[in-house]
Amino acid sequence: MKTFALVFIHVTGAVLGMSACHTNTKTDKRLHGTWKSKDGAITLKITDKQFTMADGEAPIPEDYFMKADTIFTSFEGNQPYTKFVIKKLDDRSLSLVMPDDTVAVEFSK
């Protein structure tokens, strides 16, 4: 009976440890595609693995991940992460708060 209790405790600890370390990296498929801002100044291209913003300069693809309604981007995995907050997302429109603004920028496909 003692061995059963010890095995049970260790298996339970392993399962809890693995579930705590698991991250959900799924992104919303509606987010993928090419987005243009309403004024035409900014173009976003979002794929499964890269987030590219072209705003008059040479576009630089960055890796990204999502947590809830926030997109975190990083150039080649470097920190600190750049944070973009999604205010509204549907099939044809995206409202995104840029890192240095408090006003949302409207995008459409």
Foldseek 3Di string as FASTA:
>chain_A
DVVVVVVVVVVVVVVVVVVVPDDDQDDDPLPAAWKAFPVRQWIWHDDSFWIWIDRPDDIDTWGWGDDDQWIWTDRVPDDDTFIKGWPDTDNFKTWIAGRVGPHTIIIGD
